[in-house]
Amino acid sequence: MLGGVRFSINFLILFVTFYGFNIGYIGITSPGGLYFPFLDDHLNYIELWRNLYIAAAAKILELMGYVVYTTNISLKVESHSGFRLVYSCLGYGIMSCFSAFVLAFPKPLRSRLTFICVGLSLILSMNLCRLILISLFYNPKITMLSVNHHDIFNAVLYIAILFISYIWVNS
């Protein structure tokens, strides 16, 4: 009983810390309101994260033979679709939740760190695949029962994370 309470408290503290830090950092590196230009110019890991996603998607698509155009926030594939990578598409929410869960779980530190690397790699890879698929196949005129790609991706990602977490917890 006490272990479950301890886990829950640790999980909530870690999640709020990770998620809150990301939201706060986005806030202080975006002009307007409380803004720190030094952090925006020199330590903006959110912008780096977005640039890495766009560059990786562009490189993979180019290797597949597509002509790709990019900006610092978007990617377009010639004769296909593309995406505008807003902050909510980066996955920091699910990554914060996953990391908090794994770190709060009572397993040896080595196991937790290894599983965080595996899980975050899975999340990042699946998100990159989603961006590539959106670039090639997204058509806003076609809807399936009013379900958008965010909902579909979230469902697939949550199922994958729950599956690997179940295996890890029970191993």
Protein backbone atom coordinates (compact mmCIF):
# COMPACT_ATOMS: atom_id res chain seq x y z
CA MET A 1 0.00 0.00 0.00
CA LEU A 2 2.72 2.48 0.99
CA GLY A 3 4.71 1.51 -2.11
CA GLY A 4 1.79 2.46 -4.34
CA VAL A 5 1.35 5.80 -2.60
CA ARG A 6 5.08 6.49 -2.81
CA PHE A 7 5.11 5.56 -6.51
CA SER A 8 2.08 7.78 -7.20
CA ILE A 9 3.57 10.78 -5.41
CA ASN A 10 6.96 10.35 -7.10
CA PHE A 11 5.29 9.92 -10.48
CA LEU A 12 3.18 13.08 -10.08
CA ILE A 13 6.13 15.15 -8.86
CA LEU A 14 8.35 13.97 -11.73
CA PHE A 15 5.64 14.40 -14.37
CA VAL A 16 4.75 17.93 -13.25
CA THR A 17 8.46 18.79 -13.12
CA PHE A 18 9.28 17.44 -16.59
CA TYR A 19 6.13 18.66 -18.31
CA GLY A 20 6.15 21.99 -16.51
CA PHE A 21 9.80 22.56 -17.37
CA ASN A 22 9.11 22.00 -21.08
CA ILE A 23 6.06 24.28 -21.08
CA GLY A 24 7.95 26.91 -19.10
CA TYR A 25 10.95 26.72 -21.39
CA ILE A 26 8.77 27.14 -24.45
CA GLY A 27 7.28 30.20 -22.75
CA ILE A 28 10.55 31.89 -21.88
CA THR A 29 12.09 31.24 -25.32
CA SER A 30 9.10 32.62 -27.23
CA PRO A 31 9.00 36.40 -27.74
CA GLY A 32 6.28 38.15 -25.79
CA GLY A 33 5.64 38.04 -22.07
CA LEU A 34 8.54 36.81 -19.96
CA TYR A 35 11.23 36.29 -22.61
CA PHE A 36 14.92 35.43 -22.27
CA PRO A 37 16.65 36.13 -25.60
CA PHE A 38 19.91 34.51 -24.45
CA LEU A 39 18.14 31.19 -23.82
CA ASP A 40 16.27 31.52 -27.12
CA ASP A 41 19.47 32.25 -29.07
CA HIS A 42 21.88 29.85 -27.38
CA LEU A 43 20.10 27.15 -25.32
CA ASN A 44 16.81 26.57 -27.07
CA TYR A 45 16.60 22.77 -26.98
CA ILE A 46 12.95 22.90 -28.12
CA GLU A 47 13.99 24.59 -31.38
CA LEU A 48 16.85 22.10 -31.78
CA TRP A 49 14.40 19.24 -31.21
CA ARG A 50 12.06 20.61 -33.88
CA ASN A 51 14.95 21.16 -36.32
CA LEU A 52 16.18 17.60 -35.80
CA TYR A 53 12.73 16.17 -36.54
CA ILE A 54 12.41 18.26 -39.71
CA ALA A 55 15.95 17.48 -40.88
CA ALA A 56 15.59 13.74 -40.19
CA ALA A 57 12.23 13.55 -41.97
CA ALA A 58 13.63 15.53 -44.92
CA LYS A 59 16.70 13.30 -45.18
CA ILE A 60 14.66 10.08 -45.09
CA LEU A 61 12.22 11.41 -47.68
CA GLU A 62 15.08 12.55 -49.92
CA LEU A 63 16.69 9.10 -49.62
CA MET A 64 13.33 7.70 -50.75
CA GLY A 65 13.58 9.87 -53.87
CA TYR A 66 11.22 12.73 -52.97
CA VAL A 67 11.89 16.41 -53.50
CA VAL A 68 11.57 18.14 -50.13
CA TYR A 69 11.35 21.79 -49.11
CA THR A 70 11.88 22.83 -45.50
CA THR A 71 11.70 25.90 -43.29
CA ASN A 72 12.57 26.15 -39.62
CA ILE A 73 9.02 25.02 -38.73
CA SER A 74 7.72 23.06 -41.71
CA LEU A 75 8.36 20.48 -44.39
CA LYS A 76 6.69 20.08 -47.79
CA VAL A 77 7.08 17.20 -50.23
CA GLU A 78 6.71 18.15 -53.89
CA SER A 79 3.39 16.85 -55.32
CA HIS A 80 2.41 15.53 -51.90
CA SER A 81 1.62 17.03 -48.54
CA GLY A 82 3.72 18.23 -45.66
CA PHE A 83 3.48 19.45 -42.10
CA ARG A 84 3.97 22.44 -39.87
CA LEU A 85 5.67 21.20 -36.70
CA VAL A 86 4.04 23.01 -33.79
CA TYR A 87 5.19 22.49 -30.20
CA SER A 88 2.43 20.02 -29.35
CA CYS A 89 3.67 17.72 -32.14
CA LEU A 90 7.06 17.22 -30.50
CA GLY A 91 5.78 14.67 -27.99
CA TYR A 92 7.12 16.28 -24.83
CA GLY A 93 3.91 15.44 -22.96
CA ILE A 94 4.02 11.70 -23.54
CA MET A 95 7.79 11.68 -23.08
CA SER A 96 7.40 13.48 -19.74
CA CYS A 97 4.73 11.00 -18.64
CA PHE A 98 6.75 7.98 -19.75
CA SER A 99 9.96 9.21 -18.11
CA ALA A 100 8.16 10.01 -14.86
CA PHE A 101 6.54 6.56 -14.81
CA VAL A 102 9.82 4.74 -15.39
CA LEU A 103 11.85 6.79 -12.92
CA ALA A 104 9.18 6.46 -10.22
CA PHE A 105 8.82 2.72 -10.68
CA PRO A 106 10.61 0.62 -8.03
CA LYS A 107 13.15 -1.24 -10.16
CA PRO A 108 16.95 -1.08 -10.19
CA LEU A 109 18.34 2.19 -11.58
CA ARG A 110 20.16 0.46 -14.45
CA SER A 111 16.91 -1.17 -15.59
CA ARG A 112 15.04 2.14 -15.39
CA LEU A 113 17.69 4.06 -17.34
CA THR A 114 17.88 1.38 -20.02
CA PHE A 115 14.10 1.30 -20.36
CA ILE A 116 13.90 5.11 -20.57
CA CYS A 117 16.34 5.01 -23.49
CA VAL A 118 14.35 2.26 -25.21
CA GLY A 119 10.99 3.95 -24.62
CA LEU A 120 12.07 7.45 -25.61
CA SER A 121 13.71 6.05 -28.75
CA LEU A 122 10.44 4.31 -29.59
CA ILE A 123 8.44 7.50 -29.06
CA LEU A 124 10.84 9.61 -31.14
CA SER A 125 10.99 7.00 -33.93
CA MET A 126 7.23 6.57 -34.10
CA ASN A 127 6.76 10.34 -34.20
CA LEU A 128 9.29 10.62 -37.02
CA CYS A 129 7.43 7.89 -38.94
CA ARG A 130 4.20 9.80 -38.39
CA LEU A 131 5.73 12.99 -39.81
CA ILE A 132 6.96 11.11 -42.89
CA LEU A 133 3.55 9.49 -43.45
CA ILE A 134 1.78 12.84 -43.03
CA SER A 135 4.16 14.36 -45.59
CA LEU A 136 3.29 11.72 -48.14
CA PHE A 137 -0.35 10.89 -47.55
CA TYR A 138 -2.16 13.56 -45.51
CA ASN A 139 -5.19 15.09 -47.16
CA PRO A 140 -7.29 17.40 -44.97
CA LYS A 141 -10.32 16.83 -47.23
CA ILE A 142 -10.45 13.13 -46.35
CA THR A 143 -11.64 12.36 -42.84
CA MET A 144 -12.40 9.04 -41.21
CA LEU A 145 -15.30 9.50 -38.80
CA SER A 146 -13.87 12.89 -37.75
CA VAL A 147 -10.69 11.26 -36.41
CA ASN A 148 -7.52 13.16 -37.17
CA HIS A 149 -3.95 11.93 -37.42
CA HIS A 150 -3.13 13.16 -33.90
CA ASP A 151 -5.81 10.91 -32.40
CA ILE A 152 -4.75 7.90 -34.45
CA PHE A 153 -1.08 8.44 -33.66
CA ASN A 154 -1.77 8.92 -29.96
CA ALA A 155 -3.80 5.71 -29.79
CA VAL A 156 -1.11 3.67 -31.59
CA LEU A 157 1.66 5.22 -29.49
CA TYR A 158 -0.15 4.67 -26.18
CA ILE A 159 -0.83 1.04 -27.06
CA ALA A 160 2.85 0.51 -27.94
CA ILE A 161 4.03 2.19 -24.73
CA LEU A 162 1.55 0.25 -22.59
CA PHE A 163 2.67 -2.99 -24.24
CA ILE A 164 6.40 -2.45 -23.69
CA SER A 165 5.76 -1.09 -20.18
CA TYR A 166 3.73 -4.19 -19.30
CA ILE A 167 6.60 -6.39 -20.44
CA TRP A 168 9.16 -4.31 -18.54
CA VAL A 169 7.15 -4.15 -15.31
CA ASN A 170 6.59 -7.93 -15.35
CA SER A 171 10.14 -8.92 -16.32
